[in-house]
C-alpha atoms as a PDB file:
ATOM      1  CA  MET A   1       0.000   0.000   0.000  1.00  0.00           C
ATOM      2  CA  GLY A   2       1.491   3.298  -1.066  1.00  0.00           C
ATOM      3  CA  LYS A   3       2.137   6.141   1.334  1.00  0.00           C
ATOM      4  CA  ILE A   4       0.086   9.308   1.179  1.00  0.00           C
ATOM      5  CA  ARG A   5       2.170  12.462   1.034  1.00  0.00           C
ATOM      6  CA  ILE A   6       0.697  15.690   2.307  1.00  0.00           C
ATOM      7  CA  GLU A   7       2.388  19.024   1.645  1.00  0.00           C
ATOM      8  CA  VAL A   8       1.550  22.253   3.410  1.00  0.00           C
ATOM      9  CA  LYS A   9       3.018  25.242   1.633  1.00  0.00           C
ATOM     10  CA  GLU A  10       3.683  28.500   3.446  1.00  0.00           C
ATOM     11  CA  ALA A  11       1.499  27.478   6.377  1.00  0.00           C
ATOM     12  CA  THR A  12       1.956  29.423   9.564  1.00  0.00           C
ATOM     13  CA  ILE A  13       0.364  29.252  12.969  1.00  0.00           C
ATOM     14  CA  LEU A  14      -1.386  32.548  12.273  1.00  0.00           C
ATOM     15  CA  ASN A  15      -3.116  31.065   9.220  1.00  0.00           C
ATOM     16  CA  ILE A  16      -4.038  27.790  10.927  1.00  0.00           C
ATOM     17  CA  MET A  17      -5.475  29.161  14.172  1.00  0.00           C
ATOM     18  CA  PRO A  18      -9.062  30.515  14.172  1.00  0.00           C
ATOM     19  CA  ARG A  19      -9.320  34.174  13.282  1.00  0.00           C
ATOM     20  CA  ALA A  20     -11.161  34.987  16.540  1.00  0.00           C
ATOM     21  CA  ALA A  21      -8.255  33.654  18.632  1.00  0.00           C
ATOM     22  CA  PHE A  22      -6.311  36.859  18.075  1.00  0.00           C
ATOM     23  CA  SER A  23      -9.088  39.267  19.039  1.00  0.00           C
ATOM     24  CA  SER A  24      -9.327  40.654  22.540  1.00  0.00           C
ATOM     25  CA  LEU A  25     -13.121  40.637  22.112  1.00  0.00           C
ATOM     26  CA  GLY A  26     -13.312  37.090  20.769  1.00  0.00           C
ATOM     27  CA  ILE A  27     -14.558  38.128  17.302  1.00  0.00           C
ATOM     28  CA  TYR A  28     -13.024  39.694  14.213  1.00  0.00           C
ATOM     29  CA  HIS A  29     -13.629  43.390  13.481  1.00  0.00           C
ATOM     30  CA  SER A  30     -12.538  44.911  10.217  1.00  0.00           C
ATOM     31  CA  PRO A  31     -10.718  48.285  10.449  1.00  0.00           C
ATOM     32  CA  GLN A  32     -13.014  51.272   9.999  1.00  0.00           C
ATOM     33  CA  SER A  33     -11.095  54.546  10.177  1.00  0.00           C
ATOM     34  CA  PRO A  34      -8.265  55.383   7.744  1.00  0.00           C
ATOM     35  CA  ILE A  35      -5.681  55.232  10.556  1.00  0.00           C
ATOM     36  CA  GLU A  36      -6.956  51.810  11.657  1.00  0.00           C
ATOM     37  CA  GLN A  37      -6.573  50.591   8.080  1.00  0.00           C
ATOM     38  CA  VAL A  38      -3.002  51.896   7.947  1.00  0.00           C
ATOM     39  CA  VAL A  39      -2.102  50.221  11.266  1.00  0.00           C
ATOM     40  CA  CYS A  40      -3.726  46.899  10.269  1.00  0.00           C
ATOM     41  CA  ALA A  41      -1.939  46.901   6.913  1.00  0.00           C
ATOM     42  CA  LEU A  42       1.384  47.663   8.606  1.00  0.00           C
ATOM     43  CA  TRP A  43       0.898  44.874  11.154  1.00  0.00           C
ATOM     44  CA  SER A  44      -0.067  42.459   8.395  1.00  0.00           C
ATOM     45  CA  ARG A  45       3.179  43.182   6.563  1.00  0.00           C
ATOM     46  CA  LEU A  46       5.457  43.101   9.596  1.00  0.00           C
ATOM     47  CA  LEU A  47       3.875  40.059  11.262  1.00  0.00           C
ATOM     48  CA  ASN A  48       3.365  38.131   7.991  1.00  0.00           C
ATOM     49  CA  CYS A  49      -0.337  37.725   8.759  1.00  0.00           C
ATOM     50  CA  SER A  50      -2.849  37.750   5.919  1.00  0.00           C
ATOM     51  CA  GLU A  51      -5.572  39.484   7.928  1.00  0.00           C
ATOM     52  CA  VAL A  52      -5.391  41.756  10.973  1.00  0.00           C
ATOM     53  CA  GLY A  53      -8.510  43.011  12.712  1.00  0.00           C
ATOM     54  CA  ALA A  54      -9.066  46.255  14.565  1.00  0.00           C
ATOM     55  CA  HIS A  55      -9.188  44.492  17.940  1.00  0.00           C
ATOM     56  CA  ASP A  56      -6.378  41.973  17.417  1.00  0.00           C
ATOM     57  CA  ASP A  57      -3.717  42.033  20.108  1.00  0.00           C
ATOM     58  CA  TYR A  58      -0.143  42.695  18.947  1.00  0.00           C
ATOM     59  CA  PHE A  59       1.478  40.371  21.458  1.00  0.00           C
ATOM     60  CA  ILE A  60      -0.994  37.532  20.864  1.00  0.00           C
ATOM     61  CA  LEU A  61      -0.198  37.849  17.158  1.00  0.00           C
ATOM     62  CA  GLY A  62       3.437  37.142  18.046  1.00  0.00           C
ATOM     63  CA  GLY A  63       4.934  40.587  17.496  1.00  0.00           C
ATOM     64  CA  THR A  64       8.508  41.137  18.672  1.00  0.00           C
ATOM     65  CA  SER A  65      10.352  44.159  20.026  1.00  0.00           C
ATOM     66  CA  MET A  66      12.326  44.655  16.797  1.00  0.00           C
ATOM     67  CA  GLN A  67       9.118  44.643  14.757  1.00  0.00           C
ATOM     68  CA  ALA A  68       7.626  47.143  17.220  1.00  0.00           C
ATOM     69  CA  LEU A  69      10.587  49.498  16.730  1.00  0.00           C
ATOM     70  CA  GLU A  70      10.163  49.305  12.950  1.00  0.00           C
ATOM     71  CA  MET A  71       6.405  49.789  13.246  1.00  0.00           C
ATOM     72  CA  PHE A  72       6.624  52.917  15.410  1.00  0.00           C
ATOM     73  CA  GLU A  73       9.354  54.385  13.239  1.00  0.00           C
ATOM     74  CA  ASP A  74       7.044  53.949  10.246  1.00  0.00           C
ATOM     75  CA  LEU A  75       4.032  55.455  12.056  1.00  0.00           C
ATOM     76  CA  ASN A  76       6.016  58.374  13.502  1.00  0.00           C
ATOM     77  CA  ASN A  77       7.497  59.157  10.100  1.00  0.00           C
ATOM     78  CA  ARG A  78       4.120  58.871   8.392  1.00  0.00           C
ATOM     79  CA  TYR A  79       2.218  61.128  10.809  1.00  0.00           C
ATOM     80  CA  ARG A  80       5.160  63.308  11.988  1.00  0.00           C
ATOM     81  CA  LEU A  81       4.692  62.269  15.620  1.00  0.00           C
ATOM     82  CA  ALA A  82       6.904  61.163  18.508  1.00  0.00           C
ATOM     83  CA  LEU A  83       4.882  58.254  19.870  1.00  0.00           C
ATOM     84  CA  PRO A  84       6.790  56.174  22.434  1.00  0.00           C
ATOM     85  CA  VAL A  85       7.290  52.537  21.502  1.00  0.00           C
ATOM     86  CA  SER A  86       6.273  51.499  24.996  1.00  0.00           C
ATOM     87  CA  ALA A  87       2.792  52.866  24.246  1.00  0.00           C
ATOM     88  CA  LEU A  88       2.207  49.468  22.681  1.00  0.00           C
ATOM     89  CA  TYR A  89       1.720  48.019  26.164  1.00  0.00           C
ATOM     90  CA  GLN A  90      -1.298  50.299  26.702  1.00  0.00           C
ATOM     91  CA  GLU A  91      -2.532  50.422  23.088  1.00  0.00           C
ATOM     92  CA  SER A  92      -1.885  46.854  21.932  1.00  0.00           C
ATOM     93  CA  THR A  93      -4.665  46.742  19.303  1.00  0.00           C
ATOM     94  CA  PRO A  94      -5.000  48.717  16.049  1.00  0.00           C
ATOM     95  CA  HIS A  95      -8.191  50.351  17.366  1.00  0.00           C
ATOM     96  CA  LYS A  96      -6.531  51.649  20.547  1.00  0.00           C
ATOM     97  CA  LEU A  97      -3.344  52.654  18.726  1.00  0.00           C
ATOM     98  CA  ALA A  98      -5.314  54.500  16.047  1.00  0.00           C
ATOM     99  CA  ASP A  99      -7.249  56.321  18.775  1.00  0.00           C
ATOM    100  CA  ARG A 100      -3.932  57.328  20.388  1.00  0.00           C
ATOM    101  CA  ILE A 101      -2.641  58.640  17.047  1.00  0.00           C
ATOM    102  CA  GLU A 102      -5.829  60.628  16.462  1.00  0.00           C
ATOM    103  CA  LYS A 103      -5.486  62.239  19.900  1.00  0.00           C
ATOM    104  CA  GLU A 104      -1.846  63.116  19.204  1.00  0.00           C
ATOM    105  CA  LEU A 105      -2.767  64.643  15.849  1.00  0.00           C
ATOM    106  CA  SER A 106      -5.540  66.645  17.527  1.00  0.00           C
ATOM    107  CA  ASN A 107      -3.197  67.691  20.382  1.00  0.00           C
ATOM    108  CA  LEU A 108      -5.512  66.104  22.934  1.00  0.00           C
ATOM    109  CA  PRO A 109      -4.108  65.028  26.329  1.00  0.00           C
ATOM    110  CA  THR A 110      -3.458  61.304  26.720  1.00  0.00           C
ATOM    111  CA  SER A 111      -4.185  59.299  29.841  1.00  0.00           C
ATOM    112  CA  GLY A 112      -2.367  56.499  31.579  1.00  0.00           C
ATOM    113  CA  ALA A 113       1.214  55.825  32.586  1.00  0.00           C
ATOM    114  CA  GLU A 114       2.654  57.010  29.266  1.00  0.00           C
ATOM    115  CA  ALA A 115       1.512  60.604  29.863  1.00  0.00           C
ATOM    116  CA  GLU A 116       3.692  60.734  32.978  1.00  0.00           C
ATOM    117  CA  ALA A 117       6.524  58.571  31.615  1.00  0.00           C
ATOM    118  CA  LEU A 118       6.139  56.099  34.471  1.00  0.00           C
ATOM    119  CA  PRO A 119       7.749  52.646  34.400  1.00  0.00           C
ATOM    120  CA  VAL A 120       6.012  50.396  31.874  1.00  0.00           C
ATOM    121  CA  ARG A 121       4.600  47.057  33.005  1.00  0.00           C
ATOM    122  CA  ILE A 122       6.113  44.415  30.731  1.00  0.00           C
ATOM    123  CA  ALA A 123       4.917  41.317  32.580  1.00  0.00           C
ATOM    124  CA  GLU A 124       2.229  40.846  35.206  1.00  0.00           C
ATOM    125  CA  GLY A 125       2.855  38.430  38.038  1.00  0.00           C
ATOM    126  CA  PRO A 126       3.671  38.101  41.714  1.00  0.00           C
ATOM    127  CA  GLU A 127       5.892  40.573  43.522  1.00  0.00           C
ATOM    128  CA  PRO A 128       8.583  41.635  44.296  1.00  0.00           C
ATOM    129  CA  VAL A 129       8.951  43.670  41.126  1.00  0.00           C
ATOM    130  CA  LEU A 130      11.966  43.275  38.844  1.00  0.00           C
ATOM    131  CA  PHE A 131      12.934  46.664  37.369  1.00  0.00           C
ATOM    132  CA  LEU A 132      14.530  46.642  33.910  1.00  0.00           C
ATOM    133  CA  VAL A 133      17.008  49.331  32.789  1.00  0.00           C
ATOM    134  CA  PRO A 134      17.353  49.694  28.981  1.00  0.00           C
ATOM    135  CA  GLY A 135      20.682  50.169  27.264  1.00  0.00           C
ATOM    136  CA  LEU A 136      21.560  52.538  24.444  1.00  0.00           C
ATOM    137  CA  GLU A 137      18.438  51.427  22.562  1.00  0.00           C
ATOM    138  CA  CYS A 138      16.628  53.594  25.154  1.00  0.00           C
ATOM    139  CA  GLU A 139      13.493  51.445  24.818  1.00  0.00           C
ATOM    140  CA  PRO A 140      12.172  49.131  27.553  1.00  0.00           C
ATOM    141  CA  ILE A 141      10.320  47.143  24.900  1.00  0.00           C
ATOM    142  CA  THR A 142      13.621  45.422  24.102  1.00  0.00           C
ATOM    143  CA  PHE A 143      12.821  43.223  27.140  1.00  0.00           C
ATOM    144  CA  GLU A 144       9.609  41.925  25.567  1.00  0.00           C
ATOM    145  CA  GLY A 145      11.139  38.465  24.932  1.00  0.00           C
ATOM    146  CA  LEU A 146      11.877  38.136  28.629  1.00  0.00           C
ATOM    147  CA  GLY A 147       8.443  39.483  29.480  1.00  0.00           C
ATOM    148  CA  ARG A 148       6.762  36.742  27.429  1.00  0.00           C
ATOM    149  CA  LEU A 149       8.404  34.046  29.523  1.00  0.00           C
ATOM    150  CA  MET A 150       7.807  35.810  32.827  1.00  0.00           C
ATOM    151  CA  ARG A 151       4.099  36.561  32.468  1.00  0.00           C
ATOM    152  CA  GLY A 152       2.295  35.023  35.397  1.00  0.00           C
ATOM    153  CA  LYS A 153       5.609  34.187  37.064  1.00  0.00           C
ATOM    154  CA  ARG A 154       6.872  37.624  38.055  1.00  0.00           C
ATOM    155  CA  SER A 155       6.021  41.312  37.738  1.00  0.00           C
ATOM    156  CA  LEU A 156       8.407  43.188  35.399  1.00  0.00           C
ATOM    157  CA  TYR A 157       8.567  46.960  34.912  1.00  0.00           C
ATOM    158  CA  GLY A 158      10.705  48.719  32.302  1.00  0.00           C
ATOM    159  CA  LEU A 159      12.194  52.064  33.341  1.00  0.00           C
ATOM    160  CA  GLN A 160      11.920  54.953  30.889  1.00  0.00           C
ATOM    161  CA  LEU A 161      14.877  57.282  30.426  1.00  0.00           C
ATOM    162  CA  PRO A 162      14.343  61.018  31.072  1.00  0.00           C
ATOM    163  CA  GLY A 163      13.724  62.921  27.865  1.00  0.00           C
ATOM    164  CA  MET A 164      12.357  60.010  25.849  1.00  0.00           C
ATOM    165  CA  TYR A 165       8.657  60.288  26.633  1.00  0.00           C
ATOM    166  CA  SER A 166       8.427  63.371  28.844  1.00  0.00           C
ATOM    167  CA  ASN A 167       9.336  67.044  28.750  1.00  0.00           C
ATOM    168  CA  GLU A 168      12.398  66.427  30.929  1.00  0.00           C
ATOM    169  CA  PRO A 169      15.792  67.150  29.355  1.00  0.00           C
ATOM    170  CA  PRO A 170      18.059  64.139  28.668  1.00  0.00           C
ATOM    171  CA  CYS A 171      20.365  63.337  31.561  1.00  0.00           C
ATOM    172  CA  ALA A 172      24.121  63.374  30.863  1.00  0.00           C
ATOM    173  CA  ASP A 173      25.163  62.228  34.342  1.00  0.00           C
ATOM    174  CA  ILE A 174      24.808  58.637  35.546  1.00  0.00           C
ATOM    175  CA  GLY A 175      24.371  59.674  39.168  1.00  0.00           C
ATOM    176  CA  LEU A 176      21.504  62.052  38.350  1.00  0.00           C
ATOM    177  CA  LEU A 177      20.014  59.493  35.945  1.00  0.00           C
ATOM    178  CA  ALA A 178      20.007  56.844  38.669  1.00  0.00           C
ATOM    179  CA  THR A 179      18.393  59.292  41.110  1.00  0.00           C
ATOM    180  CA  ALA A 180      15.609  60.052  38.617  1.00  0.00           C
ATOM    181  CA  LEU A 181      14.989  56.361  37.964  1.00  0.00           C
ATOM    182  CA  ILE A 182      14.899  55.610  41.695  1.00  0.00           C
ATOM    183  CA  ALA A 183      12.130  58.207  42.058  1.00  0.00           C
ATOM    184  CA  ASP A 184      10.170  56.367  39.343  1.00  0.00           C
ATOM    185  CA  MET A 185      10.811  53.015  41.014  1.00  0.00           C
ATOM    186  CA  ARG A 186       9.443  54.281  44.327  1.00  0.00           C
ATOM    187  CA  LYS A 187       6.147  55.110  42.611  1.00  0.00           C
ATOM    188  CA  ILE A 188       5.741  51.393  41.944  1.00  0.00           C
ATOM    189  CA  SER A 189       7.526  49.968  45.010  1.00  0.00           C
ATOM    190  CA  PRO A 190       7.911  52.544  47.804  1.00  0.00           C
ATOM    191  CA  THR A 191      10.274  50.296  49.786  1.00  0.00           C
ATOM    192  CA  GLY A 192      12.666  47.437  49.159  1.00  0.00           C
ATOM    193  CA  PRO A 193      13.929  44.902  48.698  1.00  0.00           C
ATOM    194  CA  TYR A 194      14.626  46.000  45.125  1.00  0.00           C
ATOM    195  CA  TYR A 195      15.544  43.799  42.163  1.00  0.00           C
ATOM    196  CA  LEU A 196      17.330  45.267  39.128  1.00  0.00           C
ATOM    197  CA  LEU A 197      18.307  44.042  35.672  1.00  0.00           C
ATOM    198  CA  GLY A 198      20.139  46.183  33.122  1.00  0.00           C
ATOM    199  CA  GLN A 199      21.149  45.543  29.533  1.00  0.00           C
ATOM    200  CA  CYS A 200      24.539  46.705  28.216  1.00  0.00           C
ATOM    201  CA  ALA A 201      24.973  50.306  29.447  1.00  0.00           C
ATOM    202  CA  GLY A 202      21.847  49.789  31.535  1.00  0.00           C
ATOM    203  CA  GLY A 203      23.834  47.306  33.599  1.00  0.00           C
ATOM    204  CA  LEU A 204      26.106  50.120  34.776  1.00  0.00           C
ATOM    205  CA  VAL A 205      23.078  52.261  35.583  1.00  0.00           C
ATOM    206  CA  ALA A 206      21.601  49.362  37.571  1.00  0.00           C
ATOM    207  CA  MET A 207      24.822  49.177  39.614  1.00  0.00           C
ATOM    208  CA  GLU A 208      24.645  52.906  40.343  1.00  0.00           C
ATOM    209  CA  ILE A 209      20.985  52.589  41.361  1.00  0.00           C
ATOM    210  CA  ALA A 210      21.902  49.768  43.736  1.00  0.00           C
ATOM    211  CA  HIS A 211      24.757  51.870  45.149  1.00  0.00           C
ATOM    212  CA  GLN A 212      22.475  54.845  45.837  1.00  0.00           C
ATOM    213  CA  LEU A 213      19.731  52.664  47.335  1.00  0.00           C
ATOM    214  CA  HIS A 214      22.264  50.981  49.620  1.00  0.00           C
ATOM    215  CA  ALA A 215      23.596  54.382  50.710  1.00  0.00           C
ATOM    216  CA  ALA A 216      20.020  55.441  51.513  1.00  0.00           C
ATOM    217  CA  GLY A 217      19.541  52.399  53.737  1.00  0.00           C
ATOM    218  CA  GLU A 218      17.324  50.470  51.307  1.00  0.00           C
ATOM    219  CA  SER A 219      17.651  46.750  50.677  1.00  0.00           C
ATOM    220  CA  VAL A 220      18.759  45.576  47.229  1.00  0.00           C
ATOM    221  CA  ALA A 221      18.253  41.847  46.818  1.00  0.00           C
ATOM    222  CA  GLN A 222      19.584  41.293  43.283  1.00  0.00           C
ATOM    223  CA  VAL A 223      21.385  43.120  40.487  1.00  0.00           C
ATOM    224  CA  VAL A 224      21.825  41.474  37.078  1.00  0.00           C
ATOM    225  CA  ALA A 225      24.002  43.187  34.436  1.00  0.00           C
ATOM    226  CA  LEU A 226      23.758  41.882  30.875  1.00  0.00           C
ATOM    227  CA  ASP A 227      27.011  42.331  28.969  1.00  0.00           C
ATOM    228  CA  PRO A 228      28.039  45.676  30.540  1.00  0.00           C
ATOM    229  CA  PRO A 229      30.751  47.575  28.605  1.00  0.00           C
ATOM    230  CA  TRP A 230      34.154  47.273  30.269  1.00  0.00           C
ATOM    231  CA  VAL A 231      35.732  50.461  28.870  1.00  0.00           C
ATOM    232  CA  TYR A 232      34.026  52.514  31.577  1.00  0.00           C
ATOM    233  CA  ILE A 233      34.953  50.543  34.674  1.00  0.00           C
ATOM    234  CA  ASP A 234      38.149  52.473  35.471  1.00  0.00           C
ATOM    235  CA  PRO A 235      38.573  56.254  34.988  1.00  0.00           C
ATOM    236  CA  ARG A 236      42.283  55.705  34.296  1.00  0.00           C
ATOM    237  CA  LEU A 237      41.572  53.749  31.095  1.00  0.00           C
ATOM    238  CA  LYS A 238      41.818  56.837  28.878  1.00  0.00           C
ATOM    239  CA  THR A 239      43.568  54.954  26.100  1.00  0.00           C
ATOM    240  CA  GLN A 240      40.835  52.343  25.911  1.00  0.00           C
ATOM    241  CA  ARG A 241      38.151  55.033  25.970  1.00  0.00           C
ATOM    242  CA  SER A 242      39.840  56.918  23.137  1.00  0.00           C
ATOM    243  CA  ALA A 243      40.133  53.713  21.130  1.00  0.00           C
ATOM    244  CA  TYR A 244      36.465  52.986  21.768  1.00  0.00           C
ATOM    245  CA  GLY A 245      35.524  56.488  20.646  1.00  0.00           C
ATOM    246  CA  PHE A 246      37.542  56.220  17.430  1.00  0.00           C
ATOM    247  CA  LYS A 247      36.081  52.782  16.795  1.00  0.00           C
ATOM    248  CA  TYR A 248      32.546  54.145  17.160  1.00  0.00           C
ATOM    249  CA  VAL A 249      33.231  57.101  14.848  1.00  0.00           C
ATOM    250  CA  GLY A 250      34.756  54.707  12.293  1.00  0.00           C
ATOM    251  CA  TRP A 251      31.704  52.458  12.506  1.00  0.00           C
ATOM    252  CA  ARG A 252      29.377  55.422  11.895  1.00  0.00           C
ATOM    253  CA  LEU A 253      31.428  56.603   8.910  1.00  0.00           C
ATOM    254  CA  GLN A 254      31.450  53.099   7.468  1.00  0.00           C
ATOM    255  CA  LYS A 255      27.681  52.829   7.908  1.00  0.00           C
ATOM    256  CA  PHE A 256      27.196  56.209   6.228  1.00  0.00           C
ATOM    257  CA  TRP A 257      29.474  55.255   3.328  1.00  0.00           C
ATOM    258  CA  ARG A 258      27.590  51.999   2.716  1.00  0.00           C
ATOM    259  CA  SER A 259      24.248  53.787   2.827  1.00  0.00           C
ATOM    260  CA  LEU A 260      25.385  56.072   0.003  1.00  0.00           C
ATOM    261  CA  PHE A 261      25.253  53.048  -2.299  1.00  0.00           C
ATOM    262  CA  THR A 262      22.246  51.286  -0.826  1.00  0.00           C
ATOM    263  CA  GLN A 263      20.035  54.377  -0.473  1.00  0.00           C
ATOM    264  CA  PRO A 264      21.576  57.052  -2.725  1.00  0.00           C
ATOM    265  CA  LEU A 265      18.396  59.114  -3.112  1.00  0.00           C
ATOM    266  CA  ARG A 266      18.089  59.538   0.646  1.00  0.00           C
ATOM    267  CA  TYR A 267      21.321  61.511   0.803  1.00  0.00           C
ATOM    268  CA  THR A 268      21.059  63.450  -2.435  1.00  0.00           C
ATOM    269  CA  PHE A 269      21.009  67.258  -1.928  1.00  0.00           C
ATOM    270  CA  GLY A 270      20.579  66.949   1.818  1.00  0.00           C
ATOM    271  CA  VAL A 271      17.258  65.080   1.622  1.00  0.00           C
ATOM    272  CA  TYR A 272      18.381  62.795   4.447  1.00  0.00           C
ATOM    273  CA  TRP A 273      19.039  65.662   6.846  1.00  0.00           C
ATOM    274  CA  ALA A 274      15.730  67.310   5.955  1.00  0.00           C
ATOM    275  CA  LYS A 275      13.904  64.098   6.786  1.00  0.00           C
ATOM    276  CA  GLU A 276      15.733  63.692  10.075  1.00  0.00           C
ATOM    277  CA  LYS A 277      14.610  67.152  11.173  1.00  0.00           C
ATOM    278  CA  GLN A 278      10.990  66.223  10.480  1.00  0.00           C
ATOM    279  CA  HIS A 279      11.034  62.971  12.421  1.00  0.00           C
ATOM    280  CA  ALA A 280      10.446  64.079  15.998  1.00  0.00           C
ATOM    281  CA  TYR A 281      10.839  60.625  17.531  1.00  0.00           C
ATOM    282  CA  THR A 282      14.136  59.976  15.741  1.00  0.00           C
ATOM    283  CA  ALA A 283      15.513  63.337  16.847  1.00  0.00           C
ATOM    284  CA  VAL A 284      14.471  62.790  20.475  1.00  0.00           C
ATOM    285  CA  ARG A 285      15.940  59.290  20.572  1.00  0.00           C
ATOM    286  CA  LYS A 286      19.260  60.457  19.142  1.00  0.00           C
ATOM    287  CA  ARG A 287      19.423  63.301  21.680  1.00  0.00           C
ATOM    288  CA  VAL A 288      18.811  60.888  24.565  1.00  0.00           C
ATOM    289  CA  GLN A 289      21.386  58.428  23.190  1.00  0.00           C
ATOM    290  CA  TYR A 290      23.988  61.199  22.904  1.00  0.00           C
ATOM    291  CA  ALA A 291      23.413  62.245  26.523  1.00  0.00           C
ATOM    292  CA  TYR A 292      23.522  58.574  27.584  1.00  0.00           C
ATOM    293  CA  ARG A 293      26.919  57.999  25.941  1.00  0.00           C
ATOM    294  CA  LYS A 294      28.287  61.244  27.345  1.00  0.00           C
ATOM    295  CA  ALA A 295      27.196  60.213  30.837  1.00  0.00           C
ATOM    296  CA  LEU A 296      28.855  56.812  30.496  1.00  0.00           C
ATOM    297  CA  LEU A 297      32.178  58.284  29.411  1.00  0.00           C
ATOM    298  CA  GLY A 298      32.435  60.199  32.673  1.00  0.00           C
ATOM    299  CA  TYR A 299      31.341  57.405  35.000  1.00  0.00           C
ATOM    300  CA  ALA A 300      33.184  54.808  37.054  1.00  0.00           C
ATOM    301  CA  PRO A 301      30.985  52.041  38.551  1.00  0.00           C
ATOM    302  CA  GLN A 302      30.452  51.922  42.292  1.00  0.00           C
ATOM    303  CA  LEU A 303      30.045  48.397  43.637  1.00  0.00           C
ATOM    304  CA  CYS A 304      27.904  47.765  46.705  1.00  0.00           C
ATOM    305  CA  SER A 305      27.118  44.825  48.920  1.00  0.00           C
ATOM    306  CA  ALA A 306      24.061  43.768  46.877  1.00  0.00           C
ATOM    307  CA  PRO A 307      24.280  40.349  45.174  1.00  0.00           C
ATOM    308  CA  LEU A 308      25.613  41.040  41.681  1.00  0.00           C
ATOM    309  CA  THR A 309      25.423  38.744  38.647  1.00  0.00           C
ATOM    310  CA  LEU A 310      27.308  39.655  35.476  1.00  0.00           C
ATOM    311  CA  ILE A 311      26.431  37.893  32.223  1.00  0.00           C
ATOM    312  CA  GLY A 312      29.231  38.137  29.683  1.00  0.00           C
ATOM    313  CA  LEU A 313      29.664  37.155  26.036  1.00  0.00           C
ATOM    314  CA  PRO A 314      33.136  35.698  25.496  1.00  0.00           C
ATOM    315  CA  GLN A 315      32.463  35.356  21.767  1.00  0.00           C
ATOM    316  CA  ARG A 316      32.746  39.120  21.449  1.00  0.00           C
ATOM    317  CA  GLY A 317      36.497  38.709  21.526  1.00  0.00           C
ATOM    318  CA  ASP A 318      37.164  42.080  23.183  1.00  0.00           C
ATOM    319  CA  GLY A 319      38.190  40.622  26.550  1.00  0.00           C
ATOM    320  CA  ARG A 320      35.581  42.478  28.566  1.00  0.00           C
ATOM    321  CA  VAL A 321      34.651  39.354  30.546  1.00  0.00           C
ATOM    322  CA  ALA A 322      38.224  39.062  31.821  1.00  0.00           C
ATOM    323  CA  LYS A 323      38.270  42.793  32.611  1.00  0.00           C
ATOM    324  CA  TRP A 324      35.139  42.468  34.688  1.00  0.00           C
ATOM    325  CA  ARG A 325      36.566  39.453  36.527  1.00  0.00           C
ATOM    326  CA  ASP A 326      39.557  41.548  37.554  1.00  0.00           C
ATOM    327  CA  PHE A 327      37.357  44.467  38.576  1.00  0.00           C
ATOM    328  CA  VAL A 328      34.736  42.688  40.700  1.00  0.00           C
ATOM    329  CA  GLY A 329      36.971  39.912  42.017  1.00  0.00           C
ATOM    330  CA  SER A 330      34.954  37.515  44.157  1.00  0.00           C
ATOM    331  CA  THR A 331      32.133  39.980  44.877  1.00  0.00           C
ATOM    332  CA  ALA A 332      30.036  38.939  41.868  1.00  0.00           C
ATOM    333  CA  ASP A 333      28.952  35.845  39.981  1.00  0.00           C
ATOM    334  CA  ILE A 334      29.963  35.889  36.317  1.00  0.00           C
ATOM    335  CA  MET A 335      28.038  33.742  33.852  1.00  0.00           C
ATOM    336  CA  GLU A 336      28.920  33.268  30.196  1.00  0.00           C
ATOM    337  CA  PHE A 337      26.266  33.107  27.458  1.00  0.00           C
ATOM    338  CA  PRO A 338      26.884  32.423  23.757  1.00  0.00           C
ATOM    339  CA  GLY A 339      26.560  35.373  21.399  1.00  0.00           C
ATOM    340  CA  ARG A 340      28.303  38.477  20.129  1.00  0.00           C
ATOM    341  CA  SER A 341      25.904  41.252  21.228  1.00  0.00           C
ATOM    342  CA  SER A 342      23.805  42.001  24.295  1.00  0.00           C
ATOM    343  CA  GLY A 343      20.666  41.563  22.203  1.00  0.00           C
ATOM    344  CA  LYS A 344      21.491  37.851  21.907  1.00  0.00           C
ATOM    345  CA  ILE A 345      20.983  37.495  25.665  1.00  0.00           C
ATOM    346  CA  LEU A 346      17.359  38.562  25.212  1.00  0.00           C
ATOM    347  CA  SER A 347      16.572  36.072  22.449  1.00  0.00           C
ATOM    348  CA  GLY A 348      16.609  32.352  21.752  1.00  0.00           C
ATOM    349  CA  ASN A 349      17.835  29.910  24.372  1.00  0.00           C
ATOM    350  CA  ASN A 350      19.668  32.654  26.256  1.00  0.00           C
ATOM    351  CA  VAL A 351      16.468  34.432  27.277  1.00  0.00           C
ATOM    352  CA  ALA A 352      15.121  31.145  28.661  1.00  0.00           C
ATOM    353  CA  LYS A 353      18.220  30.801  30.854  1.00  0.00           C
ATOM    354  CA  LEU A 354      17.884  34.433  31.900  1.00  0.00           C
ATOM    355  CA  ALA A 355      14.225  33.874  32.817  1.00  0.00           C
ATOM    356  CA  ALA A 356      15.227  30.918  34.982  1.00  0.00           C
ATOM    357  CA  LEU A 357      17.786  33.135  36.712  1.00  0.00           C
ATOM    358  CA  VAL A 358      15.276  35.822  37.713  1.00  0.00           C
ATOM    359  CA  THR A 359      12.300  33.539  38.422  1.00  0.00           C
ATOM    360  CA  LEU A 360      11.162  33.672  42.027  1.00  0.00           C
ATOM    361  CA  PRO A 361      11.747  30.477  44.029  1.00  0.00           C
ATOM    362  CA  GLU A 362       8.593  28.582  44.922  1.00  0.00           C
END
């Protein structure tokens, strides 16, 4: 008896599951307003879904943080707005997001945590809260992969940097930045013990937050630093800092040179610079990133008695894991994850190991 061969071409979970499974209301609603239609079409393209309804939830559809960054860049450029990416946690459906865009275009006040730039809830679960400090991406939504695994297991809040989503000026001093973030943390958890996790440069900020909390007599139960840069750990390392600065400038020049061939029309007759001036969100993010880098260059980490876990990436090849071992000595646990960038810690098998590290014991 011959075997029966069944082929399924280009089948995805989104196409197999019932349409109503993605709707927060249990049924499918077609987009009505022009902005809803734009958002649904954009989600359909980014999420590779043939049909997106007005009440479909972005996270149930399987959207990632990188897709969210691309989506908000597209929407901000299209409507000349400066919507925060973390607004997706409050407006996770095309209907709610379109309503938010309409209010922004009409200059109407918005409600909720985003209006005050409070910490964003990334995962809902039992306390104590784990506060997440973003790196140079300046967006707490980069922790969405970790939030998916921690939902129902632990409460996660992403801290928002001053100047990104509020009228505050960007902070170019790590000490003042940590003080501002502590004030935001106290609005969620007035007292300790506090738990902190920072990515890349955010790991250094998390250490400074722990240092200030310890000096104020608060309890800090855990600090986790994901691939913190080693060039800032000693103020005497001027040569390494200069080399890092030249390396960064070279990388930017190389990126600009390549873009001349890949996107020549963007740079013709200053069109690129004209566009950058129009994109409010892009301009704000670059201003905050500049202040962030400037603050890091003038900072030397202050270790405290809080339990510290450093997660390094030996595959980088820059020796920063060894540098951190020399700096912290026996006062911290150092774990090694595979990968060449801090983003790899928040994806794939690494994020599962990270989730196990910060999961509360039963």
